[in-house]
Amino acid sequence: MTEGFLKNRYDGGVRWPIAFAHRGFSRDGLENSLQAFKDAAELGYAYVETDVHTTVDGVVMLFHDETVDRVTDGSGAIKDHTYAQLRQLRIGGREPIPTLDELLTALPDVYVNIDIKDASSNLALKQVLDRHDAYDRVCISSFSDKRVMAFEALLPGSRITTSAGKLRVGAFVVLGRLGLTWPLKWILRGVDALQVPVHYGRIPVVTPAAVARAHRLGVQVHVWTINDASAMNELLDLGVDGVMTDRADLLADIMAQRGIWPQRTSSP
């Protein structure tokens, strides 16, 4: 397992579960804005989750959707805009769309879980991480296993923290339910984490048996996107390795009650 991103060790080397601020923290809908990430850090978050798309001129932007329509005052696909055009737009009418460069610079001691949303982002993302020498600060994720593996192929001979996409998660769930766990060590080779919902439809994904199976394989379990206090407590009691939430304030309170907060002590 890659230690750089996932170490999260405190109190004499004890590993704490990771709290991820999903798209930063904003009660005002300012997701994936630089202010939302700064606000998460102010709450004590050492880990944030974000998404990347790349502009037509090769700038890696922090944005979830393929188009800007839902959360900004603009319209159209990210890939059809230049960086200069996107800088004119505002998230929630207030905040500019940030770049990954800006996040890595503004919060140099925060770890970033990066969901690659389009295949064209791979090379541009590598260039950003090269500039900041930030490979030990990031986890590369995507619903597409192909996309994650294509990014890994840009880094021959090196290891970067990665999570499994849908196909490998599906194999983990299905083979586990069938009791056919022997192929999973090969299927999950190079994977550091399973980032999963509690259920896929009616199929339970995060169960005591599944968490134990992942741990036997040397893989962490991070659960998204949990915004309910009772669910947070149940998952932490179950022994998951990370929880992603839009309610960063709520998860911080629960972890403080458990004596495992803050996870970030320096100010932004």
C-alpha atoms as a PDB file:
ATOM      1  CA  MET A   1       0.000   0.000   0.000  1.00  0.00           C
ATOM      2  CA  THR A   2       1.190   3.513  -0.824  1.00  0.00           C
ATOM      3  CA  GLU A   3       1.786   5.288   2.488  1.00  0.00           C
ATOM      4  CA  GLY A   4       2.138   8.905   1.358  1.00  0.00           C
ATOM      5  CA  PHE A   5      -1.529   9.702   0.844  1.00  0.00           C
ATOM      6  CA  LEU A   6      -3.082   7.109   3.137  1.00  0.00           C
ATOM      7  CA  LYS A   7      -0.805   7.188   6.177  1.00  0.00           C
ATOM      8  CA  ASN A   8      -3.071   9.420   8.357  1.00  0.00           C
ATOM      9  CA  ARG A   9      -1.221   8.268  11.474  1.00  0.00           C
ATOM     10  CA  TYR A  10      -1.594  10.029  14.793  1.00  0.00           C
ATOM     11  CA  ASP A  11      -1.009   9.402  18.492  1.00  0.00           C
ATOM     12  CA  GLY A  12       2.034   7.202  18.368  1.00  0.00           C
ATOM     13  CA  GLY A  13       1.395   5.689  14.964  1.00  0.00           C
ATOM     14  CA  VAL A  14      -2.271   4.718  15.346  1.00  0.00           C
ATOM     15  CA  ARG A  15      -4.114   4.966  12.024  1.00  0.00           C
ATOM     16  CA  TRP A  16      -7.237   7.110  12.156  1.00  0.00           C
ATOM     17  CA  PRO A  17     -10.094   6.804   9.660  1.00  0.00           C
ATOM     18  CA  ILE A  18      -9.851   9.531   7.034  1.00  0.00           C
ATOM     19  CA  ALA A  19     -12.449  12.299   6.887  1.00  0.00           C
ATOM     20  CA  PHE A  20     -12.876  13.622   3.339  1.00  0.00           C
ATOM     21  CA  ALA A  21     -14.593  16.949   2.682  1.00  0.00           C
ATOM     22  CA  HIS A  22     -16.503  16.118  -0.501  1.00  0.00           C
ATOM     23  CA  ARG A  23     -15.967  18.976  -2.982  1.00  0.00           C
ATOM     24  CA  GLY A  24     -14.813  21.050  -0.026  1.00  0.00           C
ATOM     25  CA  PHE A  25     -17.332  22.415   2.457  1.00  0.00           C
ATOM     26  CA  SER A  26     -20.079  24.906   1.716  1.00  0.00           C
ATOM     27  CA  ARG A  27     -23.618  25.152   3.059  1.00  0.00           C
ATOM     28  CA  ASP A  28     -24.297  27.679   0.281  1.00  0.00           C
ATOM     29  CA  GLY A  29     -23.772  25.391  -2.715  1.00  0.00           C
ATOM     30  CA  LEU A  30     -20.280  26.679  -3.546  1.00  0.00           C
ATOM     31  CA  GLU A  31     -18.958  23.176  -4.245  1.00  0.00           C
ATOM     32  CA  ASN A  32     -15.440  22.774  -5.622  1.00  0.00           C
ATOM     33  CA  SER A  33     -14.641  26.436  -5.021  1.00  0.00           C
ATOM     34  CA  LEU A  34     -11.335  27.410  -3.499  1.00  0.00           C
ATOM     35  CA  GLN A  35     -13.239  28.982  -0.601  1.00  0.00           C
ATOM     36  CA  ALA A  36     -15.018  25.676   0.062  1.00  0.00           C
ATOM     37  CA  PHE A  37     -11.667  23.893   0.315  1.00  0.00           C
ATOM     38  CA  LYS A  38     -10.281  26.588   2.602  1.00  0.00           C
ATOM     39  CA  ASP A  39     -13.365  26.340   4.808  1.00  0.00           C
ATOM     40  CA  ALA A  40     -12.886  22.569   5.065  1.00  0.00           C
ATOM     41  CA  ALA A  41      -9.273  23.108   6.107  1.00  0.00           C
ATOM     42  CA  GLU A  42     -10.402  25.636   8.723  1.00  0.00           C
ATOM     43  CA  LEU A  43     -12.635  22.914  10.205  1.00  0.00           C
ATOM     44  CA  GLY A  44      -9.575  20.683  10.574  1.00  0.00           C
ATOM     45  CA  TYR A  45      -9.764  18.606   7.400  1.00  0.00           C
ATOM     46  CA  ALA A  46      -6.492  17.200   6.115  1.00  0.00           C
ATOM     47  CA  TYR A  47      -8.262  15.531   3.167  1.00  0.00           C
ATOM     48  CA  VAL A  48     -10.532  16.960   0.500  1.00  0.00           C
ATOM     49  CA  GLU A  49     -12.209  15.340  -2.496  1.00  0.00           C
ATOM     50  CA  THR A  50     -12.529  17.041  -5.851  1.00  0.00           C
ATOM     51  CA  ASP A  51     -13.113  16.413  -9.553  1.00  0.00           C
ATOM     52  CA  VAL A  52     -11.142  17.524 -12.586  1.00  0.00           C
ATOM     53  CA  HIS A  53     -11.967  18.473 -16.160  1.00  0.00           C
ATOM     54  CA  THR A  54      -9.569  20.112 -18.598  1.00  0.00           C
ATOM     55  CA  THR A  55     -10.191  23.170 -20.753  1.00  0.00           C
ATOM     56  CA  VAL A  56      -9.682  23.293 -24.488  1.00  0.00           C
ATOM     57  CA  ASP A  57      -6.321  24.988 -23.851  1.00  0.00           C
ATOM     58  CA  GLY A  58      -5.127  22.374 -21.340  1.00  0.00           C
ATOM     59  CA  VAL A  59      -5.837  23.862 -17.902  1.00  0.00           C
ATOM     60  CA  VAL A  60      -7.002  21.442 -15.190  1.00  0.00           C
ATOM     61  CA  MET A  61     -10.130  22.850 -13.503  1.00  0.00           C
ATOM     62  CA  LEU A  62     -11.835  21.668 -10.314  1.00  0.00           C
ATOM     63  CA  PHE A  63     -15.403  20.928 -11.366  1.00  0.00           C
ATOM     64  CA  HIS A  64     -17.742  17.968 -11.085  1.00  0.00           C
ATOM     65  CA  ASP A  65     -20.163  18.207 -13.999  1.00  0.00           C
ATOM     66  CA  GLU A  66     -19.337  17.906 -17.671  1.00  0.00           C
ATOM     67  CA  THR A  67     -21.101  21.231 -18.233  1.00  0.00           C
ATOM     68  CA  VAL A  68     -21.056  24.399 -16.154  1.00  0.00           C
ATOM     69  CA  ASP A  69     -24.836  24.918 -16.284  1.00  0.00           C
ATOM     70  CA  ARG A  70     -25.885  23.510 -12.885  1.00  0.00           C
ATOM     71  CA  VAL A  71     -23.730  25.530 -10.499  1.00  0.00           C
ATOM     72  CA  THR A  72     -22.471  28.560 -12.432  1.00  0.00           C
ATOM     73  CA  ASP A  73     -23.902  31.506 -14.341  1.00  0.00           C
ATOM     74  CA  GLY A  74     -22.590  30.074 -17.641  1.00  0.00           C
ATOM     75  CA  SER A  75     -23.464  27.233 -19.980  1.00  0.00           C
ATOM     76  CA  GLY A  76     -21.739  24.588 -22.075  1.00  0.00           C
ATOM     77  CA  ALA A  77     -19.108  21.902 -21.616  1.00  0.00           C
ATOM     78  CA  ILE A  78     -15.871  22.565 -19.761  1.00  0.00           C
ATOM     79  CA  LYS A  79     -13.887  21.016 -22.632  1.00  0.00           C
ATOM     80  CA  ASP A  80     -15.301  23.585 -25.055  1.00  0.00           C
ATOM     81  CA  HIS A  81     -14.164  26.578 -22.982  1.00  0.00           C
ATOM     82  CA  THR A  82     -10.782  28.192 -22.667  1.00  0.00           C
ATOM     83  CA  TYR A  83      -9.374  28.912 -19.245  1.00  0.00           C
ATOM     84  CA  ALA A  84      -9.943  32.647 -19.768  1.00  0.00           C
ATOM     85  CA  GLN A  85     -13.604  32.036 -20.576  1.00  0.00           C
ATOM     86  CA  LEU A  86     -14.168  29.894 -17.501  1.00  0.00           C
ATOM     87  CA  ARG A  87     -12.556  32.500 -15.269  1.00  0.00           C
ATOM     88  CA  GLN A  88     -15.402  34.843 -16.115  1.00  0.00           C
ATOM     89  CA  LEU A  89     -17.976  32.444 -14.614  1.00  0.00           C
ATOM     90  CA  ARG A  90     -18.998  32.237 -10.967  1.00  0.00           C
ATOM     91  CA  ILE A  91     -20.044  29.254  -8.858  1.00  0.00           C
ATOM     92  CA  GLY A  92     -23.274  30.234  -7.166  1.00  0.00           C
ATOM     93  CA  GLY A  93     -22.838  33.676  -8.686  1.00  0.00           C
ATOM     94  CA  ARG A  94     -19.946  34.315  -6.256  1.00  0.00           C
ATOM     95  CA  GLU A  95     -16.847  32.134  -6.551  1.00  0.00           C
ATOM     96  CA  PRO A  96     -14.567  31.539  -9.569  1.00  0.00           C
ATOM     97  CA  ILE A  97     -13.905  28.014 -10.798  1.00  0.00           C
ATOM     98  CA  PRO A  98     -10.448  27.171  -9.409  1.00  0.00           C
ATOM     99  CA  THR A  99      -7.602  25.277 -11.004  1.00  0.00           C
ATOM    100  CA  LEU A 100      -5.823  22.331  -9.431  1.00  0.00           C
ATOM    101  CA  ASP A 101      -2.669  24.457  -9.406  1.00  0.00           C
ATOM    102  CA  GLU A 102      -4.453  26.992  -7.207  1.00  0.00           C
ATOM    103  CA  LEU A 103      -5.650  24.376  -4.717  1.00  0.00           C
ATOM    104  CA  LEU A 104      -2.240  22.728  -4.378  1.00  0.00           C
ATOM    105  CA  THR A 105      -0.638  26.133  -3.854  1.00  0.00           C
ATOM    106  CA  ALA A 106      -3.237  27.559  -1.463  1.00  0.00           C
ATOM    107  CA  LEU A 107      -3.329  24.483   0.813  1.00  0.00           C
ATOM    108  CA  PRO A 108       0.122  22.900   0.545  1.00  0.00           C
ATOM    109  CA  ASP A 109      -0.366  20.484   3.447  1.00  0.00           C
ATOM    110  CA  VAL A 110      -3.803  19.174   2.440  1.00  0.00           C
ATOM    111  CA  TYR A 111      -4.227  15.811   0.673  1.00  0.00           C
ATOM    112  CA  VAL A 112      -6.432  15.766  -2.414  1.00  0.00           C
ATOM    113  CA  ASN A 113      -8.566  12.900  -3.690  1.00  0.00           C
ATOM    114  CA  ILE A 114      -8.896  13.579  -7.428  1.00  0.00           C
ATOM    115  CA  ASP A 115     -11.725  12.100  -9.504  1.00  0.00           C
ATOM    116  CA  ILE A 116     -10.726  12.265 -13.183  1.00  0.00           C
ATOM    117  CA  LYS A 117     -13.893  13.072 -15.103  1.00  0.00           C
ATOM    118  CA  ASP A 118     -12.561  13.021 -18.669  1.00  0.00           C
ATOM    119  CA  ALA A 119      -9.822  11.018 -20.376  1.00  0.00           C
ATOM    120  CA  SER A 120      -8.293  14.129 -21.907  1.00  0.00           C
ATOM    121  CA  SER A 121      -7.303  15.322 -18.422  1.00  0.00           C
ATOM    122  CA  ASN A 122      -4.660  12.652 -17.855  1.00  0.00           C
ATOM    123  CA  LEU A 123      -1.641  14.337 -19.419  1.00  0.00           C
ATOM    124  CA  ALA A 124      -2.540  17.801 -18.152  1.00  0.00           C
ATOM    125  CA  LEU A 125      -3.056  16.368 -14.656  1.00  0.00           C
ATOM    126  CA  LYS A 126       0.364  14.728 -14.735  1.00  0.00           C
ATOM    127  CA  GLN A 127       1.916  18.062 -15.690  1.00  0.00           C
ATOM    128  CA  VAL A 128       0.266  19.778 -12.711  1.00  0.00           C
ATOM    129  CA  LEU A 129       1.433  17.092 -10.301  1.00  0.00           C
ATOM    130  CA  ASP A 130       4.939  17.273 -11.784  1.00  0.00           C
ATOM    131  CA  ARG A 131       5.046  21.046 -11.231  1.00  0.00           C
ATOM    132  CA  HIS A 132       4.086  20.691  -7.584  1.00  0.00           C
ATOM    133  CA  ASP A 133       5.870  17.381  -6.931  1.00  0.00           C
ATOM    134  CA  ALA A 134       2.539  16.383  -5.411  1.00  0.00           C
ATOM    135  CA  TYR A 135       2.293  12.657  -6.116  1.00  0.00           C
ATOM    136  CA  ASP A 136       2.389  11.754  -2.421  1.00  0.00           C
ATOM    137  CA  ARG A 137      -0.453  14.231  -1.762  1.00  0.00           C
ATOM    138  CA  VAL A 138      -3.040  12.787  -4.113  1.00  0.00           C
ATOM    139  CA  CYS A 139      -5.194   9.752  -4.721  1.00  0.00           C
ATOM    140  CA  ILE A 140      -6.293   9.232  -8.310  1.00  0.00           C
ATOM    141  CA  SER A 141      -9.821   7.943  -8.717  1.00  0.00           C
ATOM    142  CA  SER A 142     -12.488   7.589 -11.386  1.00  0.00           C
ATOM    143  CA  PHE A 143     -15.584   5.550 -12.116  1.00  0.00           C
ATOM    144  CA  SER A 144     -13.556   4.377 -15.122  1.00  0.00           C
ATOM    145  CA  ASP A 145     -10.846   1.820 -14.317  1.00  0.00           C
ATOM    146  CA  LYS A 146      -9.502   2.403 -17.820  1.00  0.00           C
ATOM    147  CA  ARG A 147      -8.992   6.088 -17.059  1.00  0.00           C
ATOM    148  CA  VAL A 148      -7.114   5.395 -13.808  1.00  0.00           C
ATOM    149  CA  MET A 149      -4.894   2.781 -15.450  1.00  0.00           C
ATOM    150  CA  ALA A 150      -4.169   5.129 -18.352  1.00  0.00           C
ATOM    151  CA  PHE A 151      -2.973   7.724 -15.853  1.00  0.00           C
ATOM    152  CA  GLU A 152      -0.797   5.151 -14.093  1.00  0.00           C
ATOM    153  CA  ALA A 153       0.728   4.263 -17.468  1.00  0.00           C
ATOM    154  CA  LEU A 154       2.090   7.824 -17.656  1.00  0.00           C
ATOM    155  CA  LEU A 155       4.188   7.071 -14.553  1.00  0.00           C
ATOM    156  CA  PRO A 156       6.273   4.004 -15.437  1.00  0.00           C
ATOM    157  CA  GLY A 157       8.166   2.548 -12.534  1.00  0.00           C
ATOM    158  CA  SER A 158       6.466   4.694  -9.903  1.00  0.00           C
ATOM    159  CA  ARG A 159       3.524   4.154  -7.584  1.00  0.00           C
ATOM    160  CA  ILE A 160       0.727   6.558  -6.906  1.00  0.00           C
ATOM    161  CA  THR A 161      -2.249   6.016  -4.628  1.00  0.00           C
ATOM    162  CA  THR A 162      -5.307   4.924  -6.616  1.00  0.00           C
ATOM    163  CA  SER A 163      -8.849   3.739  -6.007  1.00  0.00           C
ATOM    164  CA  ALA A 164     -10.789   1.176  -8.028  1.00  0.00           C
ATOM    165  CA  GLY A 165     -13.349   2.071 -10.664  1.00  0.00           C
ATOM    166  CA  LYS A 166     -16.738   0.492 -11.255  1.00  0.00           C
ATOM    167  CA  LEU A 167     -15.538  -2.707 -12.905  1.00  0.00           C
ATOM    168  CA  ARG A 168     -13.060  -3.620 -10.191  1.00  0.00           C
ATOM    169  CA  VAL A 169     -15.475  -2.628  -7.420  1.00  0.00           C
ATOM    170  CA  GLY A 170     -18.127  -4.754  -9.114  1.00  0.00           C
ATOM    171  CA  ALA A 171     -15.757  -7.711  -9.224  1.00  0.00           C
ATOM    172  CA  PHE A 172     -14.976  -7.250  -5.540  1.00  0.00           C
ATOM    173  CA  VAL A 173     -18.675  -7.236  -4.627  1.00  0.00           C
ATOM    174  CA  VAL A 174     -19.831 -10.068  -6.894  1.00  0.00           C
ATOM    175  CA  LEU A 175     -16.921 -12.430  -6.312  1.00  0.00           C
ATOM    176  CA  GLY A 176     -17.074 -11.760  -2.595  1.00  0.00           C
ATOM    177  CA  ARG A 177     -20.775 -12.610  -2.453  1.00  0.00           C
ATOM    178  CA  LEU A 178     -20.052 -15.832  -4.356  1.00  0.00           C
ATOM    179  CA  GLY A 179     -17.182 -16.728  -2.048  1.00  0.00           C
ATOM    180  CA  LEU A 180     -14.704 -16.570  -4.945  1.00  0.00           C
ATOM    181  CA  THR A 181     -12.114 -14.319  -3.383  1.00  0.00           C
ATOM    182  CA  TRP A 182      -8.981 -15.927  -4.812  1.00  0.00           C
ATOM    183  CA  PRO A 183      -8.966 -13.849  -8.067  1.00  0.00           C
ATOM    184  CA  LEU A 184      -9.331 -10.552  -6.203  1.00  0.00           C
ATOM    185  CA  LYS A 185      -5.668 -10.209  -5.303  1.00  0.00           C
ATOM    186  CA  TRP A 186      -4.909 -10.154  -9.036  1.00  0.00           C
ATOM    187  CA  ILE A 187      -7.924  -8.014 -10.005  1.00  0.00           C
ATOM    188  CA  LEU A 188      -7.095  -5.398  -7.346  1.00  0.00           C
ATOM    189  CA  ARG A 189      -3.338  -5.359  -7.933  1.00  0.00           C
ATOM    190  CA  GLY A 190      -2.075  -1.804  -7.611  1.00  0.00           C
ATOM    191  CA  VAL A 191      -5.335  -0.612  -6.022  1.00  0.00           C
ATOM    192  CA  ASP A 192      -5.051   1.096  -2.642  1.00  0.00           C
ATOM    193  CA  ALA A 193      -8.692   1.877  -1.881  1.00  0.00           C
ATOM    194  CA  LEU A 194     -12.248   0.968  -2.749  1.00  0.00           C
ATOM    195  CA  GLN A 195     -14.251   4.196  -2.786  1.00  0.00           C
ATOM    196  CA  VAL A 196     -17.842   3.033  -2.722  1.00  0.00           C
ATOM    197  CA  PRO A 197     -21.429   3.813  -1.711  1.00  0.00           C
ATOM    198  CA  VAL A 198     -23.100   1.838   1.048  1.00  0.00           C
ATOM    199  CA  HIS A 199     -25.339   0.219  -1.599  1.00  0.00           C
ATOM    200  CA  TYR A 200     -25.472  -0.106  -5.378  1.00  0.00           C
ATOM    201  CA  GLY A 201     -29.242  -0.129  -5.836  1.00  0.00           C
ATOM    202  CA  ARG A 202     -30.442  -2.980  -3.636  1.00  0.00           C
ATOM    203  CA  ILE A 203     -27.039  -4.626  -3.461  1.00  0.00           C
ATOM    204  CA  PRO A 204     -25.190  -3.965  -0.192  1.00  0.00           C
ATOM    205  CA  VAL A 205     -21.568  -2.984  -0.762  1.00  0.00           C
ATOM    206  CA  VAL A 206     -20.275  -1.950   2.658  1.00  0.00           C
ATOM    207  CA  THR A 207     -20.817  -4.870   5.027  1.00  0.00           C
ATOM    208  CA  PRO A 208     -18.710  -6.270   7.873  1.00  0.00           C
ATOM    209  CA  ALA A 209     -17.637  -9.135   5.606  1.00  0.00           C
ATOM    210  CA  ALA A 210     -16.734  -6.788   2.745  1.00  0.00           C
ATOM    211  CA  VAL A 211     -14.654  -4.512   4.984  1.00  0.00           C
ATOM    212  CA  ALA A 212     -12.833  -7.509   6.456  1.00  0.00           C
ATOM    213  CA  ARG A 213     -12.243  -8.935   2.960  1.00  0.00           C
ATOM    214  CA  ALA A 214     -10.820  -5.628   1.708  1.00  0.00           C
ATOM    215  CA  HIS A 215      -8.501  -5.402   4.691  1.00  0.00           C
ATOM    216  CA  ARG A 216      -7.239  -8.950   4.138  1.00  0.00           C
ATOM    217  CA  LEU A 217      -6.382  -7.853   0.604  1.00  0.00           C
ATOM    218  CA  GLY A 218      -4.530  -4.790   1.925  1.00  0.00           C
ATOM    219  CA  VAL A 219      -7.098  -2.370   0.491  1.00  0.00           C
ATOM    220  CA  GLN A 220      -8.810   0.486   2.321  1.00  0.00           C
ATOM    221  CA  VAL A 221     -12.562   1.159   2.212  1.00  0.00           C
ATOM    222  CA  HIS A 222     -13.739   4.763   1.752  1.00  0.00           C
ATOM    223  CA  VAL A 223     -17.496   5.360   1.707  1.00  0.00           C
ATOM    224  CA  TRP A 224     -19.347   8.141  -0.114  1.00  0.00           C
ATOM    225  CA  THR A 225     -21.292  10.381   0.210  1.00  0.00           C
ATOM    226  CA  ILE A 226     -22.494  10.184   3.837  1.00  0.00           C
ATOM    227  CA  ASN A 227     -24.411  13.175   5.219  1.00  0.00           C
ATOM    228  CA  ASP A 228     -26.303  11.552   8.083  1.00  0.00           C
ATOM    229  CA  ALA A 229     -24.873  11.379  11.613  1.00  0.00           C
ATOM    230  CA  SER A 230     -26.186   7.904  12.428  1.00  0.00           C
ATOM    231  CA  ALA A 231     -24.762   6.504   9.177  1.00  0.00           C
ATOM    232  CA  MET A 232     -21.400   8.119   9.902  1.00  0.00           C
ATOM    233  CA  ASN A 233     -21.270   6.511  13.333  1.00  0.00           C
ATOM    234  CA  GLU A 234     -22.342   3.108  11.996  1.00  0.00           C
ATOM    235  CA  LEU A 235     -19.634   3.151   9.340  1.00  0.00           C
ATOM    236  CA  LEU A 236     -16.919   4.239  11.751  1.00  0.00           C
ATOM    237  CA  ASP A 237     -18.008   1.493  14.144  1.00  0.00           C
ATOM    238  CA  LEU A 238     -17.800  -0.949  11.235  1.00  0.00           C
ATOM    239  CA  GLY A 239     -14.132  -0.080  10.754  1.00  0.00           C
ATOM    240  CA  VAL A 240     -14.167   1.679   7.393  1.00  0.00           C
ATOM    241  CA  ASP A 241     -11.000   3.588   6.582  1.00  0.00           C
ATOM    242  CA  GLY A 242     -12.595   6.779   5.301  1.00  0.00           C
ATOM    243  CA  VAL A 243     -15.862   8.674   5.027  1.00  0.00           C
ATOM    244  CA  MET A 244     -16.641  11.285   2.360  1.00  0.00           C
ATOM    245  CA  THR A 245     -19.271  13.878   3.206  1.00  0.00           C
ATOM    246  CA  ASP A 246     -20.910  17.096   2.081  1.00  0.00           C
ATOM    247  CA  ARG A 247     -21.570  17.789   5.781  1.00  0.00           C
ATOM    248  CA  ALA A 248     -17.990  18.341   6.792  1.00  0.00           C
ATOM    249  CA  ASP A 249     -19.162  20.165   9.900  1.00  0.00           C
ATOM    250  CA  LEU A 250     -21.214  17.183  11.072  1.00  0.00           C
ATOM    251  CA  LEU A 251     -18.485  14.596  10.442  1.00  0.00           C
ATOM    252  CA  ALA A 252     -15.921  16.801  12.203  1.00  0.00           C
ATOM    253  CA  ASP A 253     -18.172  16.937  15.292  1.00  0.00           C
ATOM    254  CA  ILE A 254     -18.610  13.165  15.311  1.00  0.00           C
ATOM    255  CA  MET A 255     -14.898  12.535  14.975  1.00  0.00           C
ATOM    256  CA  ALA A 256     -14.192  15.078  17.721  1.00  0.00           C
ATOM    257  CA  GLN A 257     -16.529  13.126  19.993  1.00  0.00           C
ATOM    258  CA  ARG A 258     -14.439  10.051  19.200  1.00  0.00           C
ATOM    259  CA  GLY A 259     -11.189  11.872  20.011  1.00  0.00           C
ATOM    260  CA  ILE A 260      -9.855  11.772  16.455  1.00  0.00           C
ATOM    261  CA  TRP A 261     -10.112  15.427  15.480  1.00  0.00           C
ATOM    262  CA  PRO A 262      -8.799  17.689  14.037  1.00  0.00           C
ATOM    263  CA  GLN A 263      -6.894  15.846  11.327  1.00  0.00           C
ATOM    264  CA  ARG A 264      -5.247  19.054  10.178  1.00  0.00           C
ATOM    265  CA  THR A 265      -3.687  21.398  12.708  1.00  0.00           C
ATOM    266  CA  SER A 266      -2.009  24.156  10.689  1.00  0.00           C
ATOM    267  CA  SER A 267      -4.001  27.143   9.460  1.00  0.00           C
ATOM    268  CA  PRO A 268      -4.661  27.759   5.738  1.00  0.00           C
END
